[in-house]
Protein backbone atom coordinates (compact mmCIF):
# COMPACT_ATOMS: atom_id res chain seq x y z
CA MET A 1 69.29 151.68 143.31
CA LYS A 2 70.73 153.26 140.17
CA ARG A 3 74.26 152.38 141.25
CA LEU A 4 73.20 148.78 141.93
CA THR A 5 71.67 148.50 138.43
CA ILE A 6 74.85 149.83 136.82
CA LEU A 7 76.96 147.36 138.86
CA ILE A 8 74.78 144.42 137.82
CA LEU A 9 74.96 145.42 134.13
CA THR A 10 78.74 145.79 134.38
CA LEU A 11 79.09 142.32 135.89
CA LEU A 12 76.83 140.80 133.21
CA VAL A 13 78.85 142.36 130.38
CA ALA A 14 82.14 141.29 131.94
CA GLY A 15 80.81 137.79 132.43
CA TYR A 16 79.74 137.60 128.79
CA PHE A 17 83.22 138.46 127.51
CA ILE A 18 84.90 136.09 129.96
CA LEU A 19 82.69 133.22 128.85
CA ARG A 20 83.12 134.07 125.17
CA ASN A 21 86.91 134.20 125.43
CA SER A 22 86.97 131.00 127.46
CA SER A 23 84.85 129.26 124.83
CA ASN A 24 87.09 130.48 122.00
CA ASN A 25 90.19 129.29 123.82
CA HIS A 26 88.79 125.77 123.93
CA GLN A 27 87.79 125.58 120.28
CA PRO A 28 89.96 123.10 118.33
CA ILE A 29 92.43 124.68 115.92
CA THR A 30 91.77 123.43 112.40
CA GLN A 31 94.95 122.10 110.80
CA ALA A 32 94.25 123.05 107.20
CA TYR A 33 97.75 123.67 105.87
CA PRO A 34 100.74 121.36 105.30
CA TRP A 35 103.03 123.50 107.46
CA GLN A 36 100.73 123.29 110.50
CA ILE A 37 102.57 120.42 112.18
CA GLU A 38 101.99 119.95 115.89
CA VAL A 39 104.84 118.09 117.61
CA LEU A 40 103.47 115.69 120.22
CA PRO A 41 105.06 113.70 123.08
CA LYS A 42 106.68 110.29 122.55
CA GLY A 43 107.87 110.98 119.02
CA TYR A 44 104.54 111.70 117.31
CA ALA A 45 103.21 114.70 115.40
CA ARG A 46 99.81 115.82 114.13
CA VAL A 47 99.23 117.23 110.63
CA PHE A 48 95.90 117.74 108.86
CA GLY A 49 94.32 116.43 112.07
CA ILE A 50 96.09 113.07 111.63
CA VAL A 51 98.64 111.46 113.98
CA LEU A 52 100.66 108.93 111.99
CA GLU A 53 101.04 105.51 113.68
CA GLN A 54 98.06 106.42 115.90
CA SER A 55 95.16 107.59 113.71
CA THR A 56 93.18 105.10 111.60
CA LEU A 57 91.83 104.98 108.08
CA ALA A 58 88.42 105.91 109.49
CA ASP A 59 89.98 108.98 111.14
CA ALA A 60 91.45 110.12 107.82
CA THR A 61 88.14 109.62 106.02
CA ARG A 62 86.37 111.70 108.64
CA GLU A 63 88.99 114.47 108.67
CA LEU A 64 89.22 114.74 104.87
CA GLY A 65 85.50 114.31 104.23
CA SER A 66 86.01 111.92 101.34
CA GLN A 67 86.08 108.18 100.63
CA PRO A 68 89.46 106.70 99.65
CA LYS A 69 90.52 104.23 97.02
CA LEU A 70 92.64 101.40 98.43
CA ALA A 71 95.13 99.27 96.54
CA VAL A 72 98.07 96.96 97.11
CA PHE A 73 101.16 97.95 95.14
CA ASP A 74 103.75 95.35 94.14
CA ASN A 75 107.11 96.72 92.94
CA ASP A 76 109.87 94.11 92.65
CA ASN A 77 108.08 91.97 95.25
CA GLN A 78 107.96 94.89 97.66
CA LEU A 79 104.35 95.22 98.82
CA SER A 80 102.58 98.25 100.25
CA LEU A 81 98.95 99.02 101.03
CA GLU A 82 97.94 102.57 100.13
CA ALA A 83 94.85 104.71 100.58
CA TYR A 84 94.36 107.50 98.05
CA TYR A 85 92.24 110.62 98.56
CA LYS A 86 92.11 112.72 95.39
CA SER A 87 91.75 116.52 95.10
CA ILE A 88 90.96 117.39 98.71
CA SER A 89 90.46 121.08 99.55
CA ARG A 90 91.88 122.28 102.88
CA GLY A 91 92.09 125.96 103.74
CA GLY A 92 91.77 126.94 100.09
CA LEU A 93 94.59 124.63 99.00
CA ILE A 94 93.83 121.56 96.89
CA GLY A 95 95.96 118.44 97.05
CA SER A 96 95.92 114.67 97.04
CA PHE A 97 96.68 112.46 100.06
CA VAL A 98 98.33 109.04 99.89
CA PHE A 99 98.59 107.09 103.15
CA THR A 100 100.38 103.80 103.66
CA LEU A 101 98.59 101.49 106.09
CA ASP A 102 100.32 99.64 108.89
CA LEU A 103 99.72 95.95 108.16
CA ASP A 104 102.09 92.99 108.17
CA MET A 105 103.27 91.60 104.84
CA ALA A 106 101.31 88.36 105.19
CA GLU A 107 98.03 90.26 105.49
CA ILE A 108 98.90 92.55 102.59
CA GLU A 109 99.67 89.47 100.48
CA ARG A 110 96.23 88.05 101.31
CA LEU A 111 94.62 91.34 100.26
CA LYS A 112 96.58 91.23 97.02
CA GLN A 113 95.32 87.74 96.23
CA ALA A 114 91.73 88.78 96.97
CA ALA A 115 91.84 92.01 94.91
CA HIS A 116 89.13 92.33 92.27
CA LYS A 117 91.20 94.34 89.78
CA LYS A 118 94.83 94.26 88.64
CA GLU A 119 96.61 96.76 86.41
CA PRO A 120 100.23 97.74 85.59
CA THR A 121 101.81 100.91 87.00
CA THR A 122 104.14 103.36 85.28
CA ASP A 123 107.16 102.04 87.21
CA LYS A 124 106.73 98.48 85.88
CA GLY A 125 104.95 97.28 88.99
CA TRP A 126 101.37 96.18 89.61
CA ARG A 127 98.39 97.78 91.32
CA TYR A 128 95.73 95.56 92.95
CA GLU A 129 92.54 97.50 93.68
CA LEU A 130 90.43 96.56 96.70
CA ASP A 131 86.63 96.59 96.78
CA LYS A 132 84.36 98.58 99.11
CA PRO A 133 83.66 95.77 101.63
CA THR A 134 87.40 95.23 102.05
CA ILE A 135 87.95 98.96 102.57
CA ASP A 136 85.25 98.97 105.24
CA ARG A 137 86.95 96.06 107.05
CA LEU A 138 90.21 98.03 107.14
CA ALA A 139 88.63 101.13 108.71
CA LYS A 140 90.41 100.66 112.06
CA THR A 141 93.83 100.04 110.50
CA LYS A 142 96.45 102.58 111.59
CA LEU A 143 98.12 104.97 109.15
CA LYS A 144 101.89 104.73 108.84
CA THR A 145 103.05 107.44 106.40
CA LEU A 146 101.53 110.25 104.35
CA ALA A 147 102.48 111.71 100.98
CA TYR A 148 100.73 115.01 100.26
CA ILE A 149 100.84 116.35 96.69
CA PRO A 150 99.57 119.94 96.32
CA THR A 151 98.20 121.06 92.97
CA VAL A 152 100.17 124.31 93.11
CA GLN A 153 103.92 124.41 92.86
CA LEU A 154 105.79 125.73 95.88
CA SER A 155 108.70 128.09 95.40
CA GLU A 156 111.80 127.85 97.58
CA THR A 157 110.90 131.25 99.03
CA ILE A 158 107.46 130.04 100.09
CA ILE A 159 108.94 126.85 101.55
CA LEU A 160 111.32 128.80 103.78
CA GLN A 161 108.64 131.29 104.78
CA ARG A 162 106.05 128.68 105.72
CA PHE A 163 108.13 125.73 106.93
CA GLY A 164 111.24 127.54 108.14
CA LYS A 165 114.88 126.62 107.66
CA PRO A 166 115.31 122.84 107.25
CA ASP A 167 117.54 120.74 109.49
CA ASN A 168 119.19 119.33 106.39
CA LYS A 169 119.04 119.70 102.62
CA ILE A 170 119.93 116.90 100.19
CA ALA A 171 119.95 117.12 96.40
CA LEU A 172 117.53 114.90 94.47
CA LYS A 173 119.00 111.86 92.75
CA THR A 174 117.03 112.54 89.58
CA ARG A 175 117.56 114.32 86.28
CA GLU A 176 115.26 117.13 87.36
CA PRO A 177 117.00 119.58 89.73
CA GLY A 178 115.58 119.76 93.21
CA TRP A 179 116.08 119.15 96.90
CA HIS A 180 114.92 117.21 99.91
CA TYR A 181 114.13 119.77 102.61
CA LEU A 182 114.33 117.72 105.80
CA TYR A 183 112.60 118.63 109.08
CA ALA A 184 113.46 115.78 111.44
CA ASN A 185 111.65 116.94 114.59
CA ARG A 186 108.43 117.34 112.59
CA GLY A 187 108.79 114.15 110.55
CA LEU A 188 108.76 115.90 107.16
CA ASP A 189 110.69 115.38 103.94
CA LEU A 190 109.58 118.16 101.57
CA ILE A 191 110.66 117.14 98.07
CA TYR A 192 111.12 120.28 96.00
CA HIS A 193 111.20 120.08 92.19
CA GLU A 194 112.22 123.05 90.06
CA LYS A 195 109.82 122.16 87.23
CA SER A 196 107.11 119.89 88.61
CA ARG A 197 104.92 119.60 91.68
CA GLU A 198 106.27 119.03 95.13
CA VAL A 199 105.68 115.96 97.30
CA LEU A 200 105.55 116.29 101.07
CA GLN A 201 106.36 113.05 102.88
CA TYR A 202 105.31 112.82 106.52
CA VAL A 203 106.28 110.17 109.06
CA ALA A 204 106.16 110.03 112.84
CA PRO A 205 109.25 112.03 113.94
CA LYS A 206 110.50 109.02 115.92
CA ALA A 207 110.64 107.07 112.62
CA PHE A 208 112.47 109.78 110.68
CA ASN A 209 115.77 107.89 110.44
CA ALA A 210 114.09 105.20 108.34
CA LEU A 211 113.27 107.92 105.82
CA LEU A 212 116.66 109.67 106.08
CA VAL A 213 119.06 106.73 105.73
CA PRO A 214 118.17 105.87 102.09
CA LEU A 215 118.68 109.53 101.13
CA GLN A 216 122.20 109.56 102.60
CA SER A 217 123.30 106.32 100.91
CA ASP A 218 124.86 106.09 97.46
């Protein structure tokens, strides 16, 4: 009887640890950091819980836990629709997120005409702010690209430690020294500045050439 009791207790304890480990193995891994990029099939990748060209504006709002500001930007008649999430904390790091939304130019032009506020930008363009009802209507629109701007400056040492050796490295075409650290298979262009904050540009890896070609041209 005593041996049977010991056997039952042993089985119960073993079962507890098996179930606990099984449960932990199925818990989703939180992607809190900019270097946590999960390469997916068919040319996609997931970062910050977002899959560019697949996830929607509503997905980003849920993942980041904040409401965005949306605006149409017009620079030399080149239109883009952008969603801005300011000062988001992820894993102890604070940064801002700027997504471009995947809409055709005719629809973006209509949004521009319907915008309730217009103001100039620092690069001699125009910003057309959208109201809350319009933002709500765009909730299911897919996200095309992401620019992440951390509040802390990243050193080249930290970049290599966290992101690894880049596939390519191209000097910035600006007065401030710096580099484009390019990670093609992860869809990342990490723009390093020696004196100012970095900008991390993410695209779907299958679309990386569209980001690379302008950098290689004169």
